[in-house]
PDB file of N, CA and C in Angstrom:
ATOM      1  N   MET A   1      24.049 -27.473  13.496  1.00  0.00           N
ATOM      2  CA  MET A   1      22.671 -26.605  13.861  1.00  0.00           C
ATOM      3  C   MET A   1      22.305 -26.925  15.148  1.00  0.00           C
ATOM      4  N   SER A   2      21.873 -25.478  15.611  1.00  0.00           N
ATOM      5  CA  SER A   2      21.336 -25.006  16.978  1.00  0.00           C
ATOM      6  C   SER A   2      20.016 -25.260  16.981  1.00  0.00           C
ATOM      7  N   ILE A   3      19.477 -24.869  17.941  1.00  0.00           N
ATOM      8  CA  ILE A   3      17.688 -25.578  17.779  1.00  0.00           C
ATOM      9  C   ILE A   3      17.371 -24.513  17.013  1.00  0.00           C
ATOM     10  N   GLU A   4      18.132 -23.260  17.733  1.00  0.00           N
ATOM     11  CA  GLU A   4      17.025 -21.957  17.402  1.00  0.00           C
ATOM     12  C   GLU A   4      17.721 -21.382  15.502  1.00  0.00           C
ATOM     13  N   GLU A   5      18.903 -21.903  15.244  1.00  0.00           N
ATOM     14  CA  GLU A   5      18.764 -22.074  13.750  1.00  0.00           C
ATOM     15  C   GLU A   5      18.009 -22.779  12.985  1.00  0.00           C
ATOM     16  N   LEU A   6      17.811 -24.043  13.301  1.00  0.00           N
ATOM     17  CA  LEU A   6      16.763 -24.780  12.709  1.00  0.00           C
ATOM     18  C   LEU A   6      15.109 -24.203  12.659  1.00  0.00           C
ATOM     19  N   LYS A   7      14.868 -23.821  13.494  1.00  0.00           N
ATOM     20  CA  LYS A   7      13.742 -22.598  13.479  1.00  0.00           C
ATOM     21  C   LYS A   7      13.705 -21.814  12.965  1.00  0.00           C
ATOM     22  N   ILE A   8      14.819 -20.813  12.468  1.00  0.00           N
ATOM     23  CA  ILE A   8      14.913 -19.672  11.903  1.00  0.00           C
ATOM     24  C   ILE A   8      14.651 -20.470  10.170  1.00  0.00           C
ATOM     25  N   GLU A   9      15.591 -21.118   9.915  1.00  0.00           N
ATOM     26  CA  GLU A   9      15.466 -21.981   8.664  1.00  0.00           C
ATOM     27  C   GLU A   9      13.571 -22.632   8.214  1.00  0.00           C
ATOM     28  N   ILE A  10      13.391 -22.984   9.064  1.00  0.00           N
ATOM     29  CA  ILE A  10      12.116 -23.497   8.851  1.00  0.00           C
ATOM     30  C   ILE A  10      10.795 -22.531   8.903  1.00  0.00           C
ATOM     31  N   ALA A  11      11.326 -21.447   9.432  1.00  0.00           N
ATOM     32  CA  ALA A  11      10.736 -19.896   9.378  1.00  0.00           C
ATOM     33  C   ALA A  11      10.599 -19.500   8.381  1.00  0.00           C
ATOM     34  N   LYS A  12      11.976 -19.303   7.865  1.00  0.00           N
ATOM     35  CA  LYS A  12      11.923 -18.758   6.386  1.00  0.00           C
ATOM     36  C   LYS A  12      11.468 -19.676   4.993  1.00  0.00           C
ATOM     37  N   LYS A  13      11.653 -21.364   5.267  1.00  0.00           N
ATOM     38  CA  LYS A  13      10.445 -21.574   4.430  1.00  0.00           C
ATOM     39  C   LYS A  13       9.060 -21.420   4.208  1.00  0.00           C
ATOM     40  N   VAL A  14       8.636 -21.483   5.679  1.00  0.00           N
ATOM     41  CA  VAL A  14       7.343 -21.250   5.772  1.00  0.00           C
ATOM     42  C   VAL A  14       7.204 -19.888   4.770  1.00  0.00           C
ATOM     43  N   PHE A  15       7.684 -18.706   5.493  1.00  0.00           N
ATOM     44  CA  PHE A  15       7.521 -17.404   5.050  1.00  0.00           C
ATOM     45  C   PHE A  15       7.433 -17.589   3.113  1.00  0.00           C
ATOM     46  N   GLU A  16       8.055 -18.416   2.538  1.00  0.00           N
ATOM     47  CA  GLU A  16       8.656 -18.376   1.432  1.00  0.00           C
ATOM     48  C   GLU A  16       7.559 -19.214   0.617  1.00  0.00           C
ATOM     49  N   THR A  17       6.866 -19.967   1.193  1.00  0.00           N
ATOM     50  CA  THR A  17       5.970 -20.973   0.330  1.00  0.00           C
ATOM     51  C   THR A  17       4.318 -20.145   0.604  1.00  0.00           C
ATOM     52  N   ASP A  18       3.932 -20.606  -0.561  1.00  0.00           N
ATOM     53  CA  ASP A  18       2.267 -20.272  -0.778  1.00  0.00           C
ATOM     54  C   ASP A  18       1.700 -21.340  -1.095  1.00  0.00           C
ATOM     55  N   ASP A  19       2.338 -22.377  -0.890  1.00  0.00           N
ATOM     56  CA  ASP A  19       1.783 -23.882  -0.873  1.00  0.00           C
ATOM     57  C   ASP A  19       0.150 -23.923   0.330  1.00  0.00           C
ATOM     58  N   GLU A  20      -0.684 -23.916  -0.184  1.00  0.00           N
ATOM     59  CA  GLU A  20      -1.862 -24.122   1.258  1.00  0.00           C
ATOM     60  C   GLU A  20      -1.446 -25.420   1.669  1.00  0.00           C
ATOM     61  N   ASN A  21      -1.192 -26.684   0.889  1.00  0.00           N
ATOM     62  CA  ASN A  21      -1.464 -28.199   1.026  1.00  0.00           C
ATOM     63  C   ASN A  21       0.043 -27.983   2.346  1.00  0.00           C
ATOM     64  N   LEU A  22       1.114 -27.677   1.809  1.00  0.00           N
ATOM     65  CA  LEU A  22       2.195 -27.618   2.604  1.00  0.00           C
ATOM     66  C   LEU A  22       2.338 -26.907   4.325  1.00  0.00           C
ATOM     67  N   LEU A  23       0.977 -25.949   4.018  1.00  0.00           N
ATOM     68  CA  LEU A  23       1.058 -24.829   5.211  1.00  0.00           C
ATOM     69  C   LEU A  23       0.174 -25.893   6.245  1.00  0.00           C
ATOM     70  N   SER A  24      -1.429 -26.736   5.489  1.00  0.00           N
ATOM     71  CA  SER A  24      -1.758 -26.691   6.492  1.00  0.00           C
ATOM     72  C   SER A  24      -1.130 -28.132   7.096  1.00  0.00           C
ATOM     73  N   GLU A  25      -0.144 -29.198   6.120  1.00  0.00           N
ATOM     74  CA  GLU A  25       0.540 -30.166   6.752  1.00  0.00           C
ATOM     75  C   GLU A  25       1.227 -29.705   7.646  1.00  0.00           C
ATOM     76  N   LEU A  26       1.827 -28.730   7.556  1.00  0.00           N
ATOM     77  CA  LEU A  26       2.814 -28.442   8.969  1.00  0.00           C
ATOM     78  C   LEU A  26       2.128 -27.973  10.070  1.00  0.00           C
ATOM     79  N   ASP A  27       0.701 -27.264   9.698  1.00  0.00           N
ATOM     80  CA  ASP A  27      -0.109 -26.894  11.121  1.00  0.00           C
ATOM     81  C   ASP A  27      -0.228 -27.969  11.485  1.00  0.00           C
ATOM     82  N   MET A  28      -0.946 -28.727  10.777  1.00  0.00           N
ATOM     83  CA  MET A  28      -1.250 -30.106  11.673  1.00  0.00           C
ATOM     84  C   MET A  28       0.025 -31.141  12.354  1.00  0.00           C
ATOM     85  N   LEU A  29       0.925 -30.882  11.688  1.00  0.00           N
ATOM     86  CA  LEU A  29       2.355 -31.506  12.810  1.00  0.00           C
ATOM     87  C   LEU A  29       2.361 -30.675  13.751  1.00  0.00           C
ATOM     88  N   LEU A  30       2.521 -29.387  13.603  1.00  0.00           N
ATOM     89  CA  LEU A  30       2.603 -28.379  15.011  1.00  0.00           C
ATOM     90  C   LEU A  30       1.424 -28.836  15.901  1.00  0.00           C
ATOM     91  N   ASN A  31       0.361 -29.627  15.408  1.00  0.00           N
ATOM     92  CA  ASN A  31      -0.463 -29.315  16.836  1.00  0.00           C
ATOM     93  C   ASN A  31      -0.653 -30.554  16.761  1.00  0.00           C
ATOM     94  N   TYR A  32      -0.037 -31.646  16.524  1.00  0.00           N
ATOM     95  CA  TYR A  32      -0.035 -33.310  16.624  1.00  0.00           C
ATOM     96  C   TYR A  32       0.803 -33.532  17.819  1.00  0.00           C
ATOM     97  N   ASN A  33       0.180 -33.988  18.803  1.00  0.00           N
ATOM     98  CA  ASN A  33       0.740 -34.559  20.403  1.00  0.00           C
ATOM     99  C   ASN A  33       1.417 -35.768  20.326  1.00  0.00           C
ATOM    100  N   GLU A  34       1.473 -36.844  19.313  1.00  0.00           N
ATOM    101  CA  GLU A  34       1.935 -37.803  19.570  1.00  0.00           C
ATOM    102  C   GLU A  34       3.106 -37.723  18.547  1.00  0.00           C
ATOM    103  N   LYS A  35       4.139 -38.746  18.691  1.00  0.00           N
ATOM    104  CA  LYS A  35       5.534 -38.674  18.250  1.00  0.00           C
ATOM    105  C   LYS A  35       5.184 -39.144  16.486  1.00  0.00           C
ATOM    106  N   VAL A  36       5.837 -38.442  15.445  1.00  0.00           N
ATOM    107  CA  VAL A  36       5.390 -38.503  14.392  1.00  0.00           C
ATOM    108  C   VAL A  36       6.308 -39.568  13.623  1.00  0.00           C
ATOM    109  N   VAL A  37       5.896 -40.569  12.815  1.00  0.00           N
ATOM    110  CA  VAL A  37       6.945 -41.386  12.386  1.00  0.00           C
ATOM    111  C   VAL A  37       6.935 -41.179  10.855  1.00  0.00           C
ATOM    112  N   LEU A  38       8.574 -40.749  10.212  1.00  0.00           N
ATOM    113  CA  LEU A  38       8.871 -40.395   9.091  1.00  0.00           C
ATOM    114  C   LEU A  38       7.826 -40.960   7.552  1.00  0.00           C
ATOM    115  N   ASP A  39       7.669 -42.429   8.320  1.00  0.00           N
ATOM    116  CA  ASP A  39       7.452 -43.374   7.342  1.00  0.00           C
ATOM    117  C   ASP A  39       5.813 -43.017   7.204  1.00  0.00           C
ATOM    118  N   GLU A  40       5.026 -42.407   8.101  1.00  0.00           N
ATOM    119  CA  GLU A  40       3.139 -41.820   8.253  1.00  0.00           C
ATOM    120  C   GLU A  40       3.216 -40.740   7.326  1.00  0.00           C
ATOM    121  N   LEU A  41       4.141 -40.044   7.510  1.00  0.00           N
ATOM    122  CA  LEU A  41       4.168 -38.169   6.352  1.00  0.00           C
ATOM    123  C   LEU A  41       4.108 -38.680   4.901  1.00  0.00           C
ATOM    124  N   PRO A  42       3.668 -37.962   4.408  1.00  0.00           N
ATOM    125  CA  PRO A  42       3.319 -37.654   3.068  1.00  0.00           C
ATOM    126  C   PRO A  42       4.620 -37.913   1.970  1.00  0.00           C
ATOM    127  N   LYS A  43       4.508 -38.308   1.211  1.00  0.00           N
ATOM    128  CA  LYS A  43       5.877 -39.046   0.084  1.00  0.00           C
ATOM    129  C   LYS A  43       6.806 -37.644  -0.062  1.00  0.00           C
ATOM    130  N   HIS A  44       6.097 -36.575  -0.486  1.00  0.00           N
ATOM    131  CA  HIS A  44       6.556 -35.177  -0.427  1.00  0.00           C
ATOM    132  C   HIS A  44       7.371 -34.728   0.406  1.00  0.00           C
ATOM    133  N   VAL A  45       6.565 -34.557   1.794  1.00  0.00           N
ATOM    134  CA  VAL A  45       7.185 -33.914   3.017  1.00  0.00           C
ATOM    135  C   VAL A  45       8.274 -35.114   3.563  1.00  0.00           C
ATOM    136  N   GLN A  46       8.674 -36.318   3.568  1.00  0.00           N
ATOM    137  CA  GLN A  46       9.565 -37.391   3.394  1.00  0.00           C
ATOM    138  C   GLN A  46      10.949 -36.673   2.670  1.00  0.00           C
ATOM    139  N   GLU A  47      10.420 -36.569   1.449  1.00  0.00           N
ATOM    140  CA  GLU A  47      11.424 -36.069   0.422  1.00  0.00           C
ATOM    141  C   GLU A  47      12.151 -34.790   1.138  1.00  0.00           C
ATOM    142  N   GLY A  48      11.533 -34.195   1.345  1.00  0.00           N
ATOM    143  CA  GLY A  48      11.730 -32.523   1.825  1.00  0.00           C
ATOM    144  C   GLY A  48      12.906 -32.744   3.153  1.00  0.00           C
ATOM    145  N   ILE A  49      12.288 -33.343   3.987  1.00  0.00           N
ATOM    146  CA  ILE A  49      12.971 -33.549   5.186  1.00  0.00           C
ATOM    147  C   ILE A  49      14.531 -34.595   5.118  1.00  0.00           C
ATOM    148  N   LYS A  50      14.251 -35.444   4.176  1.00  0.00           N
ATOM    149  CA  LYS A  50      15.602 -35.907   3.434  1.00  0.00           C
ATOM    150  C   LYS A  50      16.297 -35.302   2.658  1.00  0.00           C
ATOM    151  N   ARG A  51      15.799 -34.243   1.835  1.00  0.00           N
ATOM    152  CA  ARG A  51      17.197 -33.529   1.222  1.00  0.00           C
ATOM    153  C   ARG A  51      17.435 -32.401   2.091  1.00  0.00           C
ATOM    154  N   GLY A  52      16.835 -31.959   3.304  1.00  0.00           N
ATOM    155  CA  GLY A  52      17.525 -30.920   4.127  1.00  0.00           C
ATOM    156  C   GLY A  52      18.415 -31.387   4.771  1.00  0.00           C
ATOM    157  N   LEU A  53      17.965 -32.869   5.279  1.00  0.00           N
ATOM    158  CA  LEU A  53      18.997 -33.345   6.041  1.00  0.00           C
ATOM    159  C   LEU A  53      20.159 -33.340   5.142  1.00  0.00           C
ATOM    160  N   GLN A  54      20.182 -33.948   4.378  1.00  0.00           N
ATOM    161  CA  GLN A  54      21.312 -34.271   3.401  1.00  0.00           C
ATOM    162  C   GLN A  54      22.674 -32.760   3.117  1.00  0.00           C
ATOM    163  N   GLN A  55      21.264 -31.632   2.888  1.00  0.00           N
ATOM    164  CA  GLN A  55      21.793 -30.321   2.646  1.00  0.00           C
ATOM    165  C   GLN A  55      22.970 -30.305   3.763  1.00  0.00           C
ATOM    166  N   ALA A  56      22.197 -30.109   5.085  1.00  0.00           N
ATOM    167  CA  ALA A  56      22.815 -29.769   6.440  1.00  0.00           C
ATOM    168  C   ALA A  56      23.903 -30.823   6.359  1.00  0.00           C
ATOM    169  N   LYS A  57      24.064 -32.441   5.978  1.00  0.00           N
ATOM    170  CA  LYS A  57      25.301 -32.912   6.343  1.00  0.00           C
ATOM    171  C   LYS A  57      26.292 -32.113   5.145  1.00  0.00           C
ATOM    172  N   GLU A  58      25.830 -31.874   3.694  1.00  0.00           N
ATOM    173  CA  GLU A  58      27.066 -30.875   3.025  1.00  0.00           C
ATOM    174  C   GLU A  58      27.332 -29.530   3.592  1.00  0.00           C
ATOM    175  N   GLY A  59      26.911 -29.393   4.333  1.00  0.00           N
ATOM    176  CA  GLY A  59      27.302 -27.751   4.868  1.00  0.00           C
ATOM    177  C   GLY A  59      26.671 -26.531   3.921  1.00  0.00           C
ATOM    178  N   LYS A  60      25.528 -26.719   3.377  1.00  0.00           N
ATOM    179  CA  LYS A  60      24.274 -26.123   2.651  1.00  0.00           C
ATOM    180  C   LYS A  60      23.409 -25.245   3.763  1.00  0.00           C
ATOM    181  N   LEU A  61      24.242 -24.417   4.326  1.00  0.00           N
ATOM    182  CA  LEU A  61      23.492 -24.198   5.571  1.00  0.00           C
ATOM    183  C   LEU A  61      23.724 -22.453   5.403  1.00  0.00           C
ATOM    184  N   THR A  62      22.866 -21.511   5.737  1.00  0.00           N
ATOM    185  CA  THR A  62      23.212 -20.178   5.876  1.00  0.00           C
ATOM    186  C   THR A  62      23.428 -19.833   7.291  1.00  0.00           C
ATOM    187  N   PRO A  63      24.124 -19.283   7.868  1.00  0.00           N
ATOM    188  CA  PRO A  63      24.202 -19.059   8.963  1.00  0.00           C
ATOM    189  C   PRO A  63      23.596 -18.247   9.480  1.00  0.00           C
ATOM    190  N   HIS A  64      23.393 -17.931  11.245  1.00  0.00           N
ATOM    191  CA  HIS A  64      22.451 -18.018  12.011  1.00  0.00           C
ATOM    192  C   HIS A  64      22.312 -16.142  11.628  1.00  0.00           C
ATOM    193  N   ASP A  65      23.331 -15.298  11.969  1.00  0.00           N
ATOM    194  CA  ASP A  65      23.703 -13.855  11.245  1.00  0.00           C
ATOM    195  C   ASP A  65      23.128 -13.309  10.107  1.00  0.00           C
ATOM    196  N   GLU A  66      23.145 -14.325   9.251  1.00  0.00           N
ATOM    197  CA  GLU A  66      22.917 -13.876   7.919  1.00  0.00           C
ATOM    198  C   GLU A  66      21.096 -14.119   7.725  1.00  0.00           C
ATOM    199  N   VAL A  67      20.631 -15.032   8.256  1.00  0.00           N
ATOM    200  CA  VAL A  67      18.985 -15.347   8.133  1.00  0.00           C
ATOM    201  C   VAL A  67      18.431 -14.073   8.675  1.00  0.00           C
ATOM    202  N   MET A  68      19.117 -13.832   9.744  1.00  0.00           N
ATOM    203  CA  MET A  68      18.487 -12.925  11.145  1.00  0.00           C
ATOM    204  C   MET A  68      18.476 -11.586  10.070  1.00  0.00           C
ATOM    205  N   LYS A  69      19.408 -11.205   9.704  1.00  0.00           N
ATOM    206  CA  LYS A  69      19.218  -9.917   8.886  1.00  0.00           C
ATOM    207  C   LYS A  69      18.588  -9.786   7.714  1.00  0.00           C
ATOM    208  N   LEU A  70      18.161 -11.002   6.896  1.00  0.00           N
ATOM    209  CA  LEU A  70      17.365 -11.063   5.861  1.00  0.00           C
ATOM    210  C   LEU A  70      15.884 -11.093   6.465  1.00  0.00           C
ATOM    211  N   TYR A  71      15.655 -11.646   7.555  1.00  0.00           N
ATOM    212  CA  TYR A  71      14.301 -11.596   8.328  1.00  0.00           C
ATOM    213  C   TYR A  71      13.811 -10.919   9.844  1.00  0.00           C
ATOM    214  N   ALA A  72      14.899  -9.786   9.399  1.00  0.00           N
ATOM    215  CA  ALA A  72      14.282  -9.039  11.295  1.00  0.00           C
ATOM    216  C   ALA A  72      13.183  -8.468  10.606  1.00  0.00           C
ATOM    217  N   LYS A  73      12.634  -8.057   9.407  1.00  0.00           N
ATOM    218  CA  LYS A  73      11.458  -7.118   9.045  1.00  0.00           C
ATOM    219  C   LYS A  73      10.707  -8.260   9.613  1.00  0.00           C
ATOM    220  N   TYR A  74      10.663  -9.139   9.360  1.00  0.00           N
ATOM    221  CA  TYR A  74       9.220 -10.207  10.286  1.00  0.00           C
ATOM    222  C   TYR A  74       9.300 -10.658  11.472  1.00  0.00           C
ATOM    223  N   LEU A  75      10.340 -10.173  12.311  1.00  0.00           N
ATOM    224  CA  LEU A  75      10.580 -10.757  13.572  1.00  0.00           C
ATOM    225  C   LEU A  75      10.411  -9.687  14.827  1.00  0.00           C
TER     226      LEU A  75
END
């Protein structure tokens, strides 16, 4: 997965969630200047990252052009 595809996948998930805690944690992570160690993240965030990595390994990804079509109105 390219960096651009990863950005789009993350943006897609952000647009789909109404979870204020998740959005707050994401905001904190994006504004954090030091390297984040997986073990320091909340358990549900760790699980989400691991699940996403496993899905990527299994090829369960949405092609970049499909995501662009779906979210063109937001970009």
